[in-house]
Amino acid sequence: MSPVRAPYCTPREVSGHCSLTDLWVSYLGRVYNLTPLASEHRGDILLKPIIEAAGKDISHWFNEKTGDIKTHIDPHTGCLAPYTPQGRFLHVPPSFPSSDWDTDLGRPWWRDSTYEVGILSSKTRFIRIINTLTSQEQTLEVCSEETIGEILGRYLPYNAHAVSYTWKHCGTPLNMDLTLEENGVQDEDEDMEELRMDCDAFTPSLHLYFNDDLTEL
């Protein structure tokens, strides 16, 4: 049995978690819930840059190859030091000797996988989902990497019985284990932009057909 894949998140979803009591960030393609970290270090001045970054992508803080904090040559000491233009933050050592720096802090938060909650989508898409039974229509922002089954999960708040429908595009049933692209629902955003056409005016539609076997979830 294959392991369950971490859920994909849109940047918009991450941006909604932007308070001290609900603090998410993304970096290097992953999404992290730093709320427990913020709670543990509440009142610490070194938490400020992280709070200011709540809901944002902070990949520019890190070296993409090493996954660690970026470094530079400190102009005052001439030594290699962490590069933190937004200000020094939790678990980053000072650029000079300090008696209050705990060298035995353990794993820094940016290397702690327990905070990871998902994968940041590299490209999101908007799709229209039309219920042919009720004529209700919803437009959802989804991750291009998600399968139709995962998109169904996003749609459940609008229709709790969505699994009792056959999902189709242009009359063809969709494979719920494949992505939109793999099902032939092409992403034409780049073509639309090149033609200077409004991408929002050409949102692909998925049609739901009731199967007469209403499923209780």
C-alpha atoms as a PDB file:
ATOM      1  CA  MET A   1       0.000   0.000   0.000  1.00  0.00           C
ATOM      2  CA  SER A   2       1.541   3.300  -1.104  1.00  0.00           C
ATOM      3  CA  PRO A   3       1.987   6.015   1.559  1.00  0.00           C
ATOM      4  CA  VAL A   4      -0.535   8.865   1.626  1.00  0.00           C
ATOM      5  CA  ARG A   5       0.809  11.910  -0.173  1.00  0.00           C
ATOM      6  CA  ALA A   6       0.950  15.199   1.689  1.00  0.00           C
ATOM      7  CA  PRO A   7      -1.823  17.563   0.557  1.00  0.00           C
ATOM      8  CA  TYR A   8      -1.098  20.323  -1.918  1.00  0.00           C
ATOM      9  CA  CYS A   9      -1.820  23.884  -0.837  1.00  0.00           C
ATOM     10  CA  THR A  10      -2.367  27.028  -2.871  1.00  0.00           C
ATOM     11  CA  PRO A  11      -0.517  30.245  -1.949  1.00  0.00           C
ATOM     12  CA  ARG A  12      -3.938  31.740  -1.226  1.00  0.00           C
ATOM     13  CA  GLU A  13      -4.619  29.037   1.363  1.00  0.00           C
ATOM     14  CA  VAL A  14      -1.276  29.691   3.044  1.00  0.00           C
ATOM     15  CA  SER A  15      -1.931  33.438   3.114  1.00  0.00           C
ATOM     16  CA  GLY A  16      -5.095  32.832   5.139  1.00  0.00           C
ATOM     17  CA  HIS A  17      -3.032  31.571   8.084  1.00  0.00           C
ATOM     18  CA  CYS A  18      -1.464  34.876   9.026  1.00  0.00           C
ATOM     19  CA  SER A  19      -1.934  35.444  12.747  1.00  0.00           C
ATOM     20  CA  LEU A  20       0.049  34.648  15.865  1.00  0.00           C
ATOM     21  CA  THR A  21      -2.397  31.866  16.772  1.00  0.00           C
ATOM     22  CA  ASP A  22      -2.595  30.488  13.227  1.00  0.00           C
ATOM     23  CA  LEU A  23       0.789  30.960  11.602  1.00  0.00           C
ATOM     24  CA  TRP A  24       1.763  29.223   8.373  1.00  0.00           C
ATOM     25  CA  VAL A  25       4.638  29.922   6.009  1.00  0.00           C
ATOM     26  CA  SER A  26       5.978  28.237   2.906  1.00  0.00           C
ATOM     27  CA  TYR A  27       9.549  27.779   1.783  1.00  0.00           C
ATOM     28  CA  LEU A  28      11.401  25.674  -0.740  1.00  0.00           C
ATOM     29  CA  GLY A  29       8.186  24.132  -2.017  1.00  0.00           C
ATOM     30  CA  ARG A  30       6.767  23.016   1.329  1.00  0.00           C
ATOM     31  CA  VAL A  31       4.161  24.446   3.700  1.00  0.00           C
ATOM     32  CA  TYR A  32       4.738  24.655   7.452  1.00  0.00           C
ATOM     33  CA  ASN A  33       2.493  25.366  10.426  1.00  0.00           C
ATOM     34  CA  LEU A  34       4.667  27.349  12.849  1.00  0.00           C
ATOM     35  CA  THR A  35       1.834  28.044  15.303  1.00  0.00           C
ATOM     36  CA  PRO A  36       3.351  25.697  17.958  1.00  0.00           C
ATOM     37  CA  LEU A  37       6.733  27.427  17.530  1.00  0.00           C
ATOM     38  CA  ALA A  38       5.129  30.848  17.969  1.00  0.00           C
ATOM     39  CA  SER A  39       3.269  29.644  21.050  1.00  0.00           C
ATOM     40  CA  GLU A  40       6.406  28.164  22.600  1.00  0.00           C
ATOM     41  CA  HIS A  41       8.431  31.348  22.078  1.00  0.00           C
ATOM     42  CA  ARG A  42       5.685  33.929  22.645  1.00  0.00           C
ATOM     43  CA  GLY A  43       7.249  37.259  23.673  1.00  0.00           C
ATOM     44  CA  ASP A  44      10.692  36.447  22.263  1.00  0.00           C
ATOM     45  CA  ILE A  45      11.990  39.353  20.152  1.00  0.00           C
ATOM     46  CA  LEU A  46      13.519  36.853  17.725  1.00  0.00           C
ATOM     47  CA  LEU A  47      10.002  35.719  16.822  1.00  0.00           C
ATOM     48  CA  LYS A  48       9.173  39.081  15.223  1.00  0.00           C
ATOM     49  CA  PRO A  49      10.501  38.377  11.672  1.00  0.00           C
ATOM     50  CA  ILE A  50       8.575  35.086  11.621  1.00  0.00           C
ATOM     51  CA  ILE A  51       5.343  36.781  12.731  1.00  0.00           C
ATOM     52  CA  GLU A  52       5.800  39.424  10.029  1.00  0.00           C
ATOM     53  CA  ALA A  53       6.231  36.624   7.469  1.00  0.00           C
ATOM     54  CA  ALA A  54       3.034  34.807   8.500  1.00  0.00           C
ATOM     55  CA  GLY A  55       1.095  33.584   5.475  1.00  0.00           C
ATOM     56  CA  LYS A  56       3.962  34.318   3.079  1.00  0.00           C
ATOM     57  CA  ASP A  57       6.615  32.420   1.163  1.00  0.00           C
ATOM     58  CA  ILE A  58      10.062  32.824   2.739  1.00  0.00           C
ATOM     59  CA  SER A  59      12.132  30.750   0.319  1.00  0.00           C
ATOM     60  CA  HIS A  60      14.429  33.769  -0.122  1.00  0.00           C
ATOM     61  CA  TRP A  61      15.647  33.205   3.455  1.00  0.00           C
ATOM     62  CA  PHE A  62      17.196  29.865   2.506  1.00  0.00           C
ATOM     63  CA  ASN A  63      19.870  28.347   0.321  1.00  0.00           C
ATOM     64  CA  GLU A  64      18.006  26.165  -2.153  1.00  0.00           C
ATOM     65  CA  LYS A  65      20.853  23.645  -2.407  1.00  0.00           C
ATOM     66  CA  THR A  66      21.517  23.152   1.317  1.00  0.00           C
ATOM     67  CA  GLY A  67      18.073  23.930   2.744  1.00  0.00           C
ATOM     68  CA  ASP A  68      19.817  26.050   5.371  1.00  0.00           C
ATOM     69  CA  ILE A  69      19.843  29.768   6.090  1.00  0.00           C
ATOM     70  CA  LYS A  70      21.644  31.859   3.477  1.00  0.00           C
ATOM     71  CA  THR A  71      25.052  33.164   4.514  1.00  0.00           C
ATOM     72  CA  HIS A  72      27.274  36.105   3.584  1.00  0.00           C
ATOM     73  CA  ILE A  73      30.515  37.733   4.663  1.00  0.00           C
ATOM     74  CA  ASP A  74      29.716  40.101   7.497  1.00  0.00           C
ATOM     75  CA  PRO A  75      31.163  43.526   6.552  1.00  0.00           C
ATOM     76  CA  HIS A  76      31.948  44.305  10.210  1.00  0.00           C
ATOM     77  CA  THR A  77      33.662  41.083  11.233  1.00  0.00           C
ATOM     78  CA  GLY A  78      34.846  39.742   7.878  1.00  0.00           C
ATOM     79  CA  CYS A  79      33.455  36.342   8.896  1.00  0.00           C
ATOM     80  CA  LEU A  80      30.861  34.081   7.337  1.00  0.00           C
ATOM     81  CA  ALA A  81      27.522  34.794   8.992  1.00  0.00           C
ATOM     82  CA  PRO A  82      23.791  34.075   8.464  1.00  0.00           C
ATOM     83  CA  TYR A  83      22.191  36.478   5.998  1.00  0.00           C
ATOM     84  CA  THR A  84      18.985  37.764   7.579  1.00  0.00           C
ATOM     85  CA  PRO A  85      18.090  41.156   6.059  1.00  0.00           C
ATOM     86  CA  GLN A  86      14.645  41.004   7.720  1.00  0.00           C
ATOM     87  CA  GLY A  87      16.367  40.684  11.097  1.00  0.00           C
ATOM     88  CA  ARG A  88      17.796  37.789  13.064  1.00  0.00           C
ATOM     89  CA  PHE A  89      15.157  35.219  13.998  1.00  0.00           C
ATOM     90  CA  LEU A  90      14.755  32.141  16.186  1.00  0.00           C
ATOM     91  CA  HIS A  91      17.586  29.574  16.099  1.00  0.00           C
ATOM     92  CA  VAL A  92      19.886  31.840  14.058  1.00  0.00           C
ATOM     93  CA  PRO A  93      23.170  32.448  15.905  1.00  0.00           C
ATOM     94  CA  PRO A  94      24.401  36.016  16.434  1.00  0.00           C
ATOM     95  CA  SER A  95      27.103  37.286  14.082  1.00  0.00           C
ATOM     96  CA  PHE A  96      29.424  37.881  17.061  1.00  0.00           C
ATOM     97  CA  PRO A  97      30.305  35.926  20.239  1.00  0.00           C
ATOM     98  CA  SER A  98      27.491  36.105  22.771  1.00  0.00           C
ATOM     99  CA  SER A  99      27.168  34.613  26.249  1.00  0.00           C
ATOM    100  CA  ASP A 100      23.396  34.264  25.952  1.00  0.00           C
ATOM    101  CA  TRP A 101      23.483  32.109  22.790  1.00  0.00           C
ATOM    102  CA  ASP A 102      22.510  28.518  23.463  1.00  0.00           C
ATOM    103  CA  THR A 103      24.665  26.332  21.217  1.00  0.00           C
ATOM    104  CA  ASP A 104      22.693  23.236  22.246  1.00  0.00           C
ATOM    105  CA  LEU A 105      19.327  24.296  20.819  1.00  0.00           C
ATOM    106  CA  GLY A 106      18.835  21.034  18.941  1.00  0.00           C
ATOM    107  CA  ARG A 107      17.282  20.980  15.493  1.00  0.00           C
ATOM    108  CA  PRO A 108      16.475  24.474  14.110  1.00  0.00           C
ATOM    109  CA  TRP A 109      12.816  24.985  13.239  1.00  0.00           C
ATOM    110  CA  TRP A 110      13.430  25.163   9.489  1.00  0.00           C
ATOM    111  CA  ARG A 111      14.823  21.618   9.569  1.00  0.00           C
ATOM    112  CA  ASP A 112      12.076  20.221  11.773  1.00  0.00           C
ATOM    113  CA  SER A 113       9.721  18.173   9.579  1.00  0.00           C
ATOM    114  CA  THR A 114       7.095  17.973  12.335  1.00  0.00           C
ATOM    115  CA  TYR A 115       5.943  21.461  11.323  1.00  0.00           C
ATOM    116  CA  GLU A 116       5.336  20.410   7.716  1.00  0.00           C
ATOM    117  CA  VAL A 117       1.669  20.278   6.704  1.00  0.00           C
ATOM    118  CA  GLY A 118       1.727  20.193   2.911  1.00  0.00           C
ATOM    119  CA  ILE A 119       3.297  20.876  -0.448  1.00  0.00           C
ATOM    120  CA  LEU A 120       3.087  24.300  -2.070  1.00  0.00           C
ATOM    121  CA  SER A 121       1.567  24.113  -5.543  1.00  0.00           C
ATOM    122  CA  SER A 122       3.831  25.355  -8.302  1.00  0.00           C
ATOM    123  CA  LYS A 123       0.793  26.350 -10.400  1.00  0.00           C
ATOM    124  CA  THR A 124      -2.846  26.763  -9.488  1.00  0.00           C
ATOM    125  CA  ARG A 125      -5.853  26.691 -11.814  1.00  0.00           C
ATOM    126  CA  PHE A 126      -9.461  27.801 -11.665  1.00  0.00           C
ATOM    127  CA  ILE A 127     -12.153  25.322 -12.705  1.00  0.00           C
ATOM    128  CA  ARG A 128     -15.948  25.463 -12.830  1.00  0.00           C
ATOM    129  CA  ILE A 129     -17.794  22.499 -11.351  1.00  0.00           C
ATOM    130  CA  ILE A 130     -21.364  22.223 -12.602  1.00  0.00           C
ATOM    131  CA  ASN A 131     -23.888  19.938 -10.943  1.00  0.00           C
ATOM    132  CA  THR A 132     -26.184  18.871 -13.801  1.00  0.00           C
ATOM    133  CA  LEU A 133     -28.808  17.643 -11.324  1.00  0.00           C
ATOM    134  CA  THR A 134     -29.275  20.958  -9.501  1.00  0.00           C
ATOM    135  CA  SER A 135     -27.673  23.359 -12.023  1.00  0.00           C
ATOM    136  CA  GLN A 136     -25.537  24.724  -9.191  1.00  0.00           C
ATOM    137  CA  GLU A 137     -22.104  25.933 -10.180  1.00  0.00           C
ATOM    138  CA  GLN A 138     -18.925  26.556  -8.187  1.00  0.00           C
ATOM    139  CA  THR A 139     -15.598  27.994  -9.287  1.00  0.00           C
ATOM    140  CA  LEU A 140     -12.656  26.562  -7.360  1.00  0.00           C
ATOM    141  CA  GLU A 141      -8.965  27.348  -7.293  1.00  0.00           C
ATOM    142  CA  VAL A 142      -7.134  24.016  -7.353  1.00  0.00           C
ATOM    143  CA  CYS A 143      -3.547  22.828  -7.539  1.00  0.00           C
ATOM    144  CA  SER A 144      -2.400  21.595 -10.943  1.00  0.00           C
ATOM    145  CA  GLU A 145      -0.722  18.631  -9.207  1.00  0.00           C
ATOM    146  CA  GLU A 146      -3.940  17.419  -7.578  1.00  0.00           C
ATOM    147  CA  THR A 147      -5.884  14.438  -8.854  1.00  0.00           C
ATOM    148  CA  ILE A 148      -9.589  14.759  -9.638  1.00  0.00           C
ATOM    149  CA  GLY A 149     -10.194  12.776  -6.455  1.00  0.00           C
ATOM    150  CA  GLU A 150      -8.350  15.406  -4.445  1.00  0.00           C
ATOM    151  CA  ILE A 151     -10.276  18.153  -6.214  1.00  0.00           C
ATOM    152  CA  LEU A 152     -13.453  16.299  -5.208  1.00  0.00           C
ATOM    153  CA  GLY A 153     -12.283  16.712  -1.610  1.00  0.00           C
ATOM    154  CA  ARG A 154     -12.135  20.476  -2.120  1.00  0.00           C
ATOM    155  CA  TYR A 155     -15.653  20.412  -3.543  1.00  0.00           C
ATOM    156  CA  LEU A 156     -17.249  18.449  -0.671  1.00  0.00           C
ATOM    157  CA  PRO A 157     -18.161  21.580   1.371  1.00  0.00           C
ATOM    158  CA  TYR A 158     -20.462  22.548  -1.526  1.00  0.00           C
ATOM    159  CA  ASN A 159     -21.859  19.054  -2.118  1.00  0.00           C
ATOM    160  CA  ALA A 160     -21.401  16.426   0.580  1.00  0.00           C
ATOM    161  CA  HIS A 161     -22.546  13.703  -1.840  1.00  0.00           C
ATOM    162  CA  ALA A 162     -20.083  14.527  -4.616  1.00  0.00           C
ATOM    163  CA  VAL A 163     -18.806  10.929  -4.695  1.00  0.00           C
ATOM    164  CA  SER A 164     -22.252   9.855  -5.892  1.00  0.00           C
ATOM    165  CA  TYR A 165     -21.717  11.648  -9.183  1.00  0.00           C
ATOM    166  CA  THR A 166     -19.813  10.759 -12.334  1.00  0.00           C
ATOM    167  CA  TRP A 167     -17.342  13.521 -13.147  1.00  0.00           C
ATOM    168  CA  LYS A 168     -16.984  14.382 -16.823  1.00  0.00           C
ATOM    169  CA  HIS A 169     -15.247  16.893 -19.072  1.00  0.00           C
ATOM    170  CA  CYS A 170     -16.648  17.468 -22.571  1.00  0.00           C
ATOM    171  CA  GLY A 171     -18.751  14.326 -22.126  1.00  0.00           C
ATOM    172  CA  THR A 172     -15.811  12.081 -21.236  1.00  0.00           C
ATOM    173  CA  PRO A 173     -15.686  10.480 -17.751  1.00  0.00           C
ATOM    174  CA  LEU A 174     -12.669  11.583 -15.739  1.00  0.00           C
ATOM    175  CA  ASN A 175     -10.172   9.230 -14.113  1.00  0.00           C
ATOM    176  CA  MET A 176     -10.296  10.275 -10.454  1.00  0.00           C
ATOM    177  CA  ASP A 177      -6.703   9.107  -9.900  1.00  0.00           C
ATOM    178  CA  LEU A 178      -5.276  11.429 -12.558  1.00  0.00           C
ATOM    179  CA  THR A 179      -4.738  15.193 -12.663  1.00  0.00           C
ATOM    180  CA  LEU A 180      -6.671  17.625 -14.827  1.00  0.00           C
ATOM    181  CA  GLU A 181      -3.833  17.711 -17.361  1.00  0.00           C
ATOM    182  CA  GLU A 182      -3.578  13.918 -17.412  1.00  0.00           C
ATOM    183  CA  ASN A 183      -7.326  13.772 -18.064  1.00  0.00           C
ATOM    184  CA  GLY A 184      -6.932  16.035 -21.078  1.00  0.00           C
ATOM    185  CA  VAL A 185      -8.135  19.222 -19.362  1.00  0.00           C
ATOM    186  CA  GLN A 186      -5.356  21.419 -20.675  1.00  0.00           C
ATOM    187  CA  ASP A 187      -4.046  24.500 -18.870  1.00  0.00           C
ATOM    188  CA  GLU A 188      -4.296  27.239 -21.506  1.00  0.00           C
ATOM    189  CA  ASP A 189      -3.356  30.210 -19.307  1.00  0.00           C
ATOM    190  CA  GLU A 190      -0.039  30.832 -21.087  1.00  0.00           C
ATOM    191  CA  ASP A 191      -1.696  30.694 -24.494  1.00  0.00           C
ATOM    192  CA  MET A 192      -4.389  33.109 -23.324  1.00  0.00           C
ATOM    193  CA  GLU A 193      -1.801  35.528 -21.957  1.00  0.00           C
ATOM    194  CA  GLU A 194       0.185  35.363 -25.189  1.00  0.00           C
ATOM    195  CA  LEU A 195      -2.987  36.194 -27.116  1.00  0.00           C
ATOM    196  CA  ARG A 196      -3.780  38.941 -24.556  1.00  0.00           C
ATOM    197  CA  MET A 197      -7.064  37.297 -23.718  1.00  0.00           C
ATOM    198  CA  ASP A 198      -8.742  37.203 -20.319  1.00  0.00           C
ATOM    199  CA  CYS A 199      -7.868  33.839 -18.718  1.00  0.00           C
ATOM    200  CA  ASP A 200     -10.851  34.093 -16.371  1.00  0.00           C
ATOM    201  CA  ALA A 201     -13.223  34.153 -19.342  1.00  0.00           C
ATOM    202  CA  PHE A 202     -12.077  30.678 -20.415  1.00  0.00           C
ATOM    203  CA  THR A 203     -12.282  28.624 -17.230  1.00  0.00           C
ATOM    204  CA  PRO A 204     -12.630  24.885 -18.016  1.00  0.00           C
ATOM    205  CA  SER A 205     -15.778  23.168 -16.763  1.00  0.00           C
ATOM    206  CA  LEU A 206     -16.299  19.795 -15.120  1.00  0.00           C
ATOM    207  CA  HIS A 207     -19.835  18.381 -15.199  1.00  0.00           C
ATOM    208  CA  LEU A 208     -21.258  16.158 -12.472  1.00  0.00           C
ATOM    209  CA  TYR A 209     -23.906  13.562 -13.342  1.00  0.00           C
ATOM    210  CA  PHE A 210     -25.911  11.987 -10.540  1.00  0.00           C
ATOM    211  CA  ASN A 211     -25.579   8.188 -10.250  1.00  0.00           C
ATOM    212  CA  ASP A 212     -28.790   7.425  -8.296  1.00  0.00           C
ATOM    213  CA  ASP A 213     -26.819   5.926  -5.407  1.00  0.00           C
ATOM    214  CA  LEU A 214     -26.564   8.789  -2.957  1.00  0.00           C
ATOM    215  CA  THR A 215     -23.632   8.145  -0.657  1.00  0.00           C
ATOM    216  CA  GLU A 216     -23.652   9.276   2.972  1.00  0.00           C
ATOM    217  CA  LEU A 217     -20.244  10.648   3.998  1.00  0.00           C
END
